[in-house]
Amino acid sequence: MFEKLKGFFLANGLKIMLAGFTISAIGIIFYIKMQHDNPDLRKIAFGTTVAGVVMYMAGRVGVFIERREQRKRRERRVLDSEDEAA
């Protein structure tokens, strides 16, 4: 289960990050527009902003893990090529 979730974040981390950023930006704009209107709409706008930030952070973690694994693979290839050369 965890491996499936990890694989999803590795494959789609940047897309998730961008979607979260977009949703949070829309929530912020909606919150500013509804600042003096209905308090329930302000709560929805705030919740949308928080959900967008959470999505952004989840995507950011996915991108971080993906880049770390790419770096490890690259380092392994360099070490393997050095071992073959020696």
PDB file of N, CA and C in Angstrom:
ATOM      1  N   MET A   1       0.822  -1.191   0.000  1.00  0.00           N
ATOM      2  CA  MET A   1       0.000   0.000   0.000  1.00  0.00           C
ATOM      3  C   MET A   1       0.869   1.258   0.000  1.00  0.00           C
ATOM      4  N   PHE A   2       1.851   1.275   0.895  1.00  0.00           N
ATOM      5  CA  PHE A   2       2.735   2.432   0.981  1.00  0.00           C
ATOM      6  C   PHE A   2       3.549   2.592  -0.296  1.00  0.00           C
ATOM      7  N   GLU A   3       3.960   1.479  -0.885  1.00  0.00           N
ATOM      8  CA  GLU A   3       4.753   1.537  -2.110  1.00  0.00           C
ATOM      9  C   GLU A   3       3.927   2.109  -3.271  1.00  0.00           C
ATOM     10  N   LYS A   4       2.633   1.768  -3.329  1.00  0.00           N
ATOM     11  CA  LYS A   4       1.769   2.316  -4.364  1.00  0.00           C
ATOM     12  C   LYS A   4       1.642   3.828  -4.204  1.00  0.00           C
ATOM     13  N   LEU A   5       1.433   4.265  -2.967  1.00  0.00           N
ATOM     14  CA  LEU A   5       1.307   5.694  -2.685  1.00  0.00           C
ATOM     15  C   LEU A   5       2.614   6.425  -2.994  1.00  0.00           C
ATOM     16  N   LYS A   6       3.716   5.825  -2.607  1.00  0.00           N
ATOM     17  CA  LYS A   6       5.027   6.412  -2.875  1.00  0.00           C
ATOM     18  C   LYS A   6       5.268   6.501  -4.379  1.00  0.00           C
ATOM     19  N   GLY A   7       4.924   5.456  -5.101  1.00  0.00           N
ATOM     20  CA  GLY A   7       5.070   5.451  -6.550  1.00  0.00           C
ATOM     21  C   GLY A   7       4.226   6.528  -7.214  1.00  0.00           C
ATOM     22  N   PHE A   8       3.014   6.724  -6.701  1.00  0.00           N
ATOM     23  CA  PHE A   8       2.142   7.763  -7.233  1.00  0.00           C
ATOM     24  C   PHE A   8       2.758   9.141  -7.042  1.00  0.00           C
ATOM     25  N   PHE A   9       3.276   9.402  -5.835  1.00  0.00           N
ATOM     26  CA  PHE A   9       3.881  10.699  -5.567  1.00  0.00           C
ATOM     27  C   PHE A   9       5.165  10.901  -6.364  1.00  0.00           C
ATOM     28  N   LEU A  10       5.918   9.844  -6.570  1.00  0.00           N
ATOM     29  CA  LEU A  10       7.130   9.960  -7.366  1.00  0.00           C
ATOM     30  C   LEU A  10       6.809  10.280  -8.815  1.00  0.00           C
ATOM     31  N   ALA A  11       5.772   9.651  -9.331  1.00  0.00           N
ATOM     32  CA  ALA A  11       5.413   9.847 -10.734  1.00  0.00           C
ATOM     33  C   ALA A  11       4.711  11.177 -10.976  1.00  0.00           C
ATOM     34  N   ASN A  12       3.980  11.664  -9.995  1.00  0.00           N
ATOM     35  CA  ASN A  12       3.133  12.843 -10.197  1.00  0.00           C
ATOM     36  C   ASN A  12       3.400  13.969  -9.213  1.00  0.00           C
ATOM     37  N   GLY A  13       4.549  13.993  -8.582  1.00  0.00           N
ATOM     38  CA  GLY A  13       4.834  14.992  -7.557  1.00  0.00           C
ATOM     39  C   GLY A  13       4.724  16.422  -8.051  1.00  0.00           C
ATOM     40  N   LEU A  14       5.274  16.697  -9.213  1.00  0.00           N
ATOM     41  CA  LEU A  14       5.242  18.057  -9.745  1.00  0.00           C
ATOM     42  C   LEU A  14       3.819  18.475 -10.096  1.00  0.00           C
ATOM     43  N   LYS A  15       3.050  17.564 -10.662  1.00  0.00           N
ATOM     44  CA  LYS A  15       1.665  17.873 -11.013  1.00  0.00           C
ATOM     45  C   LYS A  15       0.836  18.159  -9.752  1.00  0.00           C
ATOM     46  N   ILE A  16       1.047  17.356  -8.720  1.00  0.00           N
ATOM     47  CA  ILE A  16       0.334  17.556  -7.457  1.00  0.00           C
ATOM     48  C   ILE A  16       0.726  18.895  -6.847  1.00  0.00           C
ATOM     49  N   MET A  17       2.010  19.214  -6.901  1.00  0.00           N
ATOM     50  CA  MET A  17       2.503  20.466  -6.351  1.00  0.00           C
ATOM     51  C   MET A  17       1.873  21.655  -7.083  1.00  0.00           C
ATOM     52  N   LEU A  18       1.841  21.610  -8.396  1.00  0.00           N
ATOM     53  CA  LEU A  18       1.255  22.702  -9.168  1.00  0.00           C
ATOM     54  C   LEU A  18      -0.256  22.820  -8.949  1.00  0.00           C
ATOM     55  N   ALA A  19      -0.932  21.690  -8.840  1.00  0.00           N
ATOM     56  CA  ALA A  19      -2.375  21.721  -8.574  1.00  0.00           C
ATOM     57  C   ALA A  19      -2.654  22.324  -7.204  1.00  0.00           C
ATOM     58  N   GLY A  20      -1.859  21.957  -6.213  1.00  0.00           N
ATOM     59  CA  GLY A  20      -2.022  22.519  -4.876  1.00  0.00           C
ATOM     60  C   GLY A  20      -1.782  24.013  -4.852  1.00  0.00           C
ATOM     61  N   PHE A  21      -0.769  24.465  -5.580  1.00  0.00           N
ATOM     62  CA  PHE A  21      -0.490  25.896  -5.654  1.00  0.00           C
ATOM     63  C   PHE A  21      -1.663  26.634  -6.288  1.00  0.00           C
ATOM     64  N   THR A  22      -2.199  26.069  -7.367  1.00  0.00           N
ATOM     65  CA  THR A  22      -3.322  26.703  -8.058  1.00  0.00           C
ATOM     66  C   THR A  22      -4.552  26.769  -7.162  1.00  0.00           C
ATOM     67  N   ILE A  23      -4.849  25.683  -6.480  1.00  0.00           N
ATOM     68  CA  ILE A  23      -6.016  25.655  -5.595  1.00  0.00           C
ATOM     69  C   ILE A  23      -5.853  26.650  -4.450  1.00  0.00           C
ATOM     70  N   SER A  24      -4.651  26.728  -3.877  1.00  0.00           N
ATOM     71  CA  SER A  24      -4.450  27.681  -2.781  1.00  0.00           C
ATOM     72  C   SER A  24      -4.545  29.118  -3.283  1.00  0.00           C
ATOM     73  N   ALA A  25      -4.049  29.393  -4.486  1.00  0.00           N
ATOM     74  CA  ALA A  25      -4.159  30.747  -5.040  1.00  0.00           C
ATOM     75  C   ALA A  25      -5.620  31.114  -5.272  1.00  0.00           C
ATOM     76  N   ILE A  26      -6.386  30.174  -5.799  1.00  0.00           N
ATOM     77  CA  ILE A  26      -7.815  30.425  -6.002  1.00  0.00           C
ATOM     78  C   ILE A  26      -8.502  30.658  -4.655  1.00  0.00           C
ATOM     79  N   GLY A  27      -8.162  29.871  -3.652  1.00  0.00           N
ATOM     80  CA  GLY A  27      -8.743  30.053  -2.315  1.00  0.00           C
ATOM     81  C   GLY A  27      -8.406  31.409  -1.724  1.00  0.00           C
ATOM     82  N   ILE A  28      -7.173  31.866  -1.919  1.00  0.00           N
ATOM     83  CA  ILE A  28      -6.771  33.172  -1.391  1.00  0.00           C
ATOM     84  C   ILE A  28      -7.552  34.285  -2.090  1.00  0.00           C
ATOM     85  N   ILE A  29      -7.653  34.195  -3.407  1.00  0.00           N
ATOM     86  CA  ILE A  29      -8.405  35.216  -4.146  1.00  0.00           C
ATOM     87  C   ILE A  29      -9.870  35.214  -3.717  1.00  0.00           C
ATOM     88  N   PHE A  30     -10.445  34.018  -3.587  1.00  0.00           N
ATOM     89  CA  PHE A  30     -11.829  33.891  -3.142  1.00  0.00           C
ATOM     90  C   PHE A  30     -12.001  34.459  -1.740  1.00  0.00           C
ATOM     91  N   TYR A  31     -11.052  34.215  -0.860  1.00  0.00           N
ATOM     92  CA  TYR A  31     -11.109  34.722   0.510  1.00  0.00           C
ATOM     93  C   TYR A  31     -11.066  36.246   0.520  1.00  0.00           C
ATOM     94  N   ILE A  32     -10.185  36.833  -0.301  1.00  0.00           N
ATOM     95  CA  ILE A  32     -10.082  38.290  -0.354  1.00  0.00           C
ATOM     96  C   ILE A  32     -11.382  38.899  -0.874  1.00  0.00           C
ATOM     97  N   LYS A  33     -11.962  38.280  -1.900  1.00  0.00           N
ATOM     98  CA  LYS A  33     -13.208  38.803  -2.465  1.00  0.00           C
ATOM     99  C   LYS A  33     -14.371  38.697  -1.472  1.00  0.00           C
ATOM    100  N   MET A  34     -14.368  37.662  -0.639  1.00  0.00           N
ATOM    101  CA  MET A  34     -15.465  37.424   0.295  1.00  0.00           C
ATOM    102  C   MET A  34     -15.168  37.952   1.702  1.00  0.00           C
ATOM    103  N   GLN A  35     -14.193  38.809   1.838  1.00  0.00           N
ATOM    104  CA  GLN A  35     -13.741  39.249   3.158  1.00  0.00           C
ATOM    105  C   GLN A  35     -14.862  39.907   3.968  1.00  0.00           C
ATOM    106  N   HIS A  36     -15.731  40.668   3.317  1.00  0.00           N
ATOM    107  CA  HIS A  36     -16.775  41.383   4.046  1.00  0.00           C
ATOM    108  C   HIS A  36     -18.158  40.778   3.832  1.00  0.00           C
ATOM    109  N   ASP A  37     -18.216  39.617   3.199  1.00  0.00           N
ATOM    110  CA  ASP A  37     -19.497  38.979   2.923  1.00  0.00           C
ATOM    111  C   ASP A  37     -19.787  37.890   3.954  1.00  0.00           C
ATOM    112  N   ASN A  38     -20.488  36.904   3.541  1.00  0.00           N
ATOM    113  CA  ASN A  38     -20.945  35.808   4.369  1.00  0.00           C
ATOM    114  C   ASN A  38     -19.775  35.087   5.055  1.00  0.00           C
ATOM    115  N   PRO A  39     -19.818  34.931   6.383  1.00  0.00           N
ATOM    116  CA  PRO A  39     -18.723  34.243   7.081  1.00  0.00           C
ATOM    117  C   PRO A  39     -18.584  32.772   6.682  1.00  0.00           C
ATOM    118  N   ASP A  40     -19.680  32.146   6.271  1.00  0.00           N
ATOM    119  CA  ASP A  40     -19.591  30.745   5.838  1.00  0.00           C
ATOM    120  C   ASP A  40     -18.772  30.616   4.561  1.00  0.00           C
ATOM    121  N   LEU A  41     -18.941  31.557   3.651  1.00  0.00           N
ATOM    122  CA  LEU A  41     -18.154  31.531   2.417  1.00  0.00           C
ATOM    123  C   LEU A  41     -16.675  31.784   2.713  1.00  0.00           C
ATOM    124  N   ARG A  42     -16.408  32.617   3.698  1.00  0.00           N
ATOM    125  CA  ARG A  42     -15.013  32.857   4.089  1.00  0.00           C
ATOM    126  C   ARG A  42     -14.386  31.583   4.632  1.00  0.00           C
ATOM    127  N   LYS A  43     -15.152  30.808   5.389  1.00  0.00           N
ATOM    128  CA  LYS A  43     -14.635  29.542   5.920  1.00  0.00           C
ATOM    129  C   LYS A  43     -14.344  28.563   4.785  1.00  0.00           C
ATOM    130  N   ILE A  44     -15.211  28.528   3.794  1.00  0.00           N
ATOM    131  CA  ILE A  44     -14.989  27.650   2.638  1.00  0.00           C
ATOM    132  C   ILE A  44     -13.737  28.087   1.887  1.00  0.00           C
ATOM    133  N   ALA A  45     -13.577  29.396   1.703  1.00  0.00           N
ATOM    134  CA  ALA A  45     -12.396  29.912   1.010  1.00  0.00           C
ATOM    135  C   ALA A  45     -11.126  29.599   1.799  1.00  0.00           C
ATOM    136  N   PHE A  46     -11.185  29.741   3.107  1.00  0.00           N
ATOM    137  CA  PHE A  46     -10.021  29.434   3.945  1.00  0.00           C
ATOM    138  C   PHE A  46      -9.698  27.944   3.877  1.00  0.00           C
ATOM    139  N   GLY A  47     -10.726  27.107   3.924  1.00  0.00           N
ATOM    140  CA  GLY A  47     -10.527  25.666   3.820  1.00  0.00           C
ATOM    141  C   GLY A  47      -9.928  25.273   2.480  1.00  0.00           C
ATOM    142  N   THR A  48     -10.366  25.935   1.416  1.00  0.00           N
ATOM    143  CA  THR A  48      -9.805  25.678   0.087  1.00  0.00           C
ATOM    144  C   THR A  48      -8.331  26.054   0.053  1.00  0.00           C
ATOM    145  N   THR A  49      -7.989  27.168   0.673  1.00  0.00           N
ATOM    146  CA  THR A  49      -6.590  27.601   0.722  1.00  0.00           C
ATOM    147  C   THR A  49      -5.744  26.597   1.488  1.00  0.00           C
ATOM    148  N   VAL A  50      -6.228  26.151   2.626  1.00  0.00           N
ATOM    149  CA  VAL A  50      -5.483  25.179   3.438  1.00  0.00           C
ATOM    150  C   VAL A  50      -5.335  23.856   2.672  1.00  0.00           C
ATOM    151  N   ALA A  51      -6.393  23.418   2.016  1.00  0.00           N
ATOM    152  CA  ALA A  51      -6.321  22.175   1.228  1.00  0.00           C
ATOM    153  C   ALA A  51      -5.292  22.311   0.110  1.00  0.00           C
ATOM    154  N   GLY A  52      -5.244  23.463  -0.529  1.00  0.00           N
ATOM    155  CA  GLY A  52      -4.262  23.695  -1.583  1.00  0.00           C
ATOM    156  C   GLY A  52      -2.839  23.671  -1.055  1.00  0.00           C
ATOM    157  N   VAL A  53      -2.628  24.265   0.109  1.00  0.00           N
ATOM    158  CA  VAL A  53      -1.288  24.263   0.710  1.00  0.00           C
ATOM    159  C   VAL A  53      -0.878  22.841   1.089  1.00  0.00           C
ATOM    160  N   VAL A  54      -1.810  22.063   1.609  1.00  0.00           N
ATOM    161  CA  VAL A  54      -1.507  20.673   1.966  1.00  0.00           C
ATOM    162  C   VAL A  54      -1.160  19.869   0.710  1.00  0.00           C
ATOM    163  N   MET A  55      -1.904  20.067  -0.362  1.00  0.00           N
ATOM    164  CA  MET A  55      -1.594  19.383  -1.628  1.00  0.00           C
ATOM    165  C   MET A  55      -0.224  19.801  -2.133  1.00  0.00           C
ATOM    166  N   TYR A  56       0.073  21.093  -2.031  1.00  0.00           N
ATOM    167  CA  TYR A  56       1.377  21.586  -2.477  1.00  0.00           C
ATOM    168  C   TYR A  56       2.499  20.913  -1.685  1.00  0.00           C
ATOM    169  N   MET A  57       2.335  20.840  -0.378  1.00  0.00           N
ATOM    170  CA  MET A  57       3.369  20.223   0.461  1.00  0.00           C
ATOM    171  C   MET A  57       3.519  18.735   0.138  1.00  0.00           C
ATOM    172  N   ALA A  58       2.425  18.048  -0.098  1.00  0.00           N
ATOM    173  CA  ALA A  58       2.502  16.628  -0.458  1.00  0.00           C
ATOM    174  C   ALA A  58       3.242  16.454  -1.784  1.00  0.00           C
ATOM    175  N   GLY A  59       2.956  17.301  -2.748  1.00  0.00           N
ATOM    176  CA  GLY A  59       3.661  17.242  -4.021  1.00  0.00           C
ATOM    177  C   GLY A  59       5.125  17.595  -3.868  1.00  0.00           C
ATOM    178  N   ARG A  60       5.409  18.539  -2.989  1.00  0.00           N
ATOM    179  CA  ARG A  60       6.803  18.936  -2.747  1.00  0.00           C
ATOM    180  C   ARG A  60       7.592  17.775  -2.151  1.00  0.00           C
ATOM    181  N   VAL A  61       6.972  17.040  -1.235  1.00  0.00           N
ATOM    182  CA  VAL A  61       7.627  15.866  -0.658  1.00  0.00           C
ATOM    183  C   VAL A  61       7.886  14.826  -1.748  1.00  0.00           C
ATOM    184  N   GLY A  62       6.909  14.636  -2.626  1.00  0.00           N
ATOM    185  CA  GLY A  62       7.090  13.692  -3.727  1.00  0.00           C
ATOM    186  C   GLY A  62       8.240  14.073  -4.633  1.00  0.00           C
ATOM    187  N   VAL A  63       8.356  15.356  -4.949  1.00  0.00           N
ATOM    188  CA  VAL A  63       9.453  15.828  -5.796  1.00  0.00           C
ATOM    189  C   VAL A  63      10.790  15.644  -5.072  1.00  0.00           C
ATOM    190  N   PHE A  64      10.809  15.924  -3.778  1.00  0.00           N
ATOM    191  CA  PHE A  64      12.033  15.767  -2.994  1.00  0.00           C
ATOM    192  C   PHE A  64      12.501  14.309  -2.987  1.00  0.00           C
ATOM    193  N   ILE A  65      11.569  13.402  -2.758  1.00  0.00           N
ATOM    194  CA  ILE A  65      11.915  11.978  -2.721  1.00  0.00           C
ATOM    195  C   ILE A  65      12.392  11.513  -4.095  1.00  0.00           C
ATOM    196  N   GLU A  66      11.717  11.963  -5.141  1.00  0.00           N
ATOM    197  CA  GLU A  66      12.114  11.575  -6.498  1.00  0.00           C
ATOM    198  C   GLU A  66      13.531  12.048  -6.814  1.00  0.00           C
ATOM    199  N   ARG A  67      13.831  13.278  -6.478  1.00  0.00           N
ATOM    200  CA  ARG A  67      15.173  13.810  -6.753  1.00  0.00           C
ATOM    201  C   ARG A  67      16.234  13.109  -5.916  1.00  0.00           C
ATOM    202  N   ARG A  68      15.899  12.770  -4.683  1.00  0.00           N
ATOM    203  CA  ARG A  68      16.852  12.061  -3.829  1.00  0.00           C
ATOM    204  C   ARG A  68      17.169  10.682  -4.406  1.00  0.00           C
ATOM    205  N   GLU A  69      16.141   9.982  -4.881  1.00  0.00           N
ATOM    206  CA  GLU A  69      16.370   8.669  -5.471  1.00  0.00           C
ATOM    207  C   GLU A  69      17.161   8.764  -6.775  1.00  0.00           C
ATOM    208  N   GLN A  70      16.908   9.798  -7.566  1.00  0.00           N
ATOM    209  CA  GLN A  70      17.697   9.992  -8.785  1.00  0.00           C
ATOM    210  C   GLN A  70      19.167  10.244  -8.444  1.00  0.00           C
ATOM    211  N   ARG A  71      19.410  11.036  -7.420  1.00  0.00           N
ATOM    212  CA  ARG A  71      20.781  11.322  -6.993  1.00  0.00           C
ATOM    213  C   ARG A  71      21.479  10.059  -6.512  1.00  0.00           C
ATOM    214  N   LYS A  72      20.768   9.229  -5.756  1.00  0.00           N
ATOM    215  CA  LYS A  72      21.357   7.973  -5.278  1.00  0.00           C
ATOM    216  C   LYS A  72      21.691   7.045  -6.447  1.00  0.00           C
ATOM    217  N   ARG A  73      20.786   6.954  -7.435  1.00  0.00           N
ATOM    218  CA  ARG A  73      21.062   6.122  -8.599  1.00  0.00           C
ATOM    219  C   ARG A  73      22.274   6.623  -9.374  1.00  0.00           C
ATOM    220  N   ARG A  74      22.381   7.932  -9.505  1.00  0.00           N
ATOM    221  CA  ARG A  74      23.511   8.522 -10.209  1.00  0.00           C
ATOM    222  C   ARG A  74      24.821   8.235  -9.469  1.00  0.00           C
ATOM    223  N   GLU A  75      24.793   8.363  -8.144  1.00  0.00           N
ATOM    224  CA  GLU A  75      25.991   8.078  -7.344  1.00  0.00           C
ATOM    225  C   GLU A  75      26.386   6.603  -7.454  1.00  0.00           C
ATOM    226  N   ARG A  76      25.390   5.707  -7.469  1.00  0.00           N
ATOM    227  CA  ARG A  76      25.683   4.279  -7.620  1.00  0.00           C
ATOM    228  C   ARG A  76      26.334   3.989  -8.967  1.00  0.00           C
ATOM    229  N   ARG A  77      25.833   4.628 -10.018  1.00  0.00           N
ATOM    230  CA  ARG A  77      26.421   4.431 -11.344  1.00  0.00           C
ATOM    231  C   ARG A  77      27.863   4.919 -11.384  1.00  0.00           C
ATOM    232  N   VAL A  78      28.140   6.039 -10.736  1.00  0.00           N
ATOM    233  CA  VAL A  78      29.509   6.569 -10.703  1.00  0.00           C
ATOM    234  C   VAL A  78      30.409   5.614  -9.937  1.00  0.00           C
ATOM    235  N   LEU A  79      29.941   5.115  -8.803  1.00  0.00           N
ATOM    236  CA  LEU A  79      30.747   4.178  -8.017  1.00  0.00           C
ATOM    237  C   LEU A  79      30.973   2.877  -8.780  1.00  0.00           C
ATOM    238  N   ASP A  80      29.938   2.381  -9.463  1.00  0.00           N
ATOM    239  CA  ASP A  80      30.082   1.159 -10.247  1.00  0.00           C
ATOM    240  C   ASP A  80      31.063   1.350 -11.390  1.00  0.00           C
ATOM    241  N   SER A  81      31.029   2.491 -12.044  1.00  0.00           N
ATOM    242  CA  SER A  81      31.954   2.739 -13.153  1.00  0.00           C
ATOM    243  C   SER A  81      33.384   2.892 -12.639  1.00  0.00           C
ATOM    244  N   GLU A  82      33.543   3.459 -11.438  1.00  0.00           N
ATOM    245  CA  GLU A  82      34.880   3.562 -10.846  1.00  0.00           C
ATOM    246  C   GLU A  82      35.416   2.203 -10.473  1.00  0.00           C
ATOM    247  N   ASP A  83      34.546   1.322  -9.974  1.00  0.00           N
ATOM    248  CA  ASP A  83      34.971  -0.036  -9.616  1.00  0.00           C
ATOM    249  C   ASP A  83      35.384  -0.821 -10.852  1.00  0.00           C
ATOM    250  N   GLU A  84      34.669  -0.634 -11.958  1.00  0.00           N
ATOM    251  CA  GLU A  84      35.025  -1.326 -13.194  1.00  0.00           C
ATOM    252  C   GLU A  84      36.341  -0.813 -13.772  1.00  0.00           C
ATOM    253  N   ALA A  85      36.593   0.480 -13.599  1.00  0.00           N
ATOM    254  CA  ALA A  85      37.812   1.069 -14.142  1.00  0.00           C
ATOM    255  C   ALA A  85      39.048   0.617 -13.351  1.00  0.00           C
ATOM    256  N   ALA A  86      38.858   0.318 -12.094  1.00  0.00           N
ATOM    257  CA  ALA A  86      40.012  -0.055 -11.246  1.00  0.00           C
ATOM    258  C   ALA A  86      40.423  -1.492 -11.407  1.00  0.00           C
TER     259      ALA A  86
END
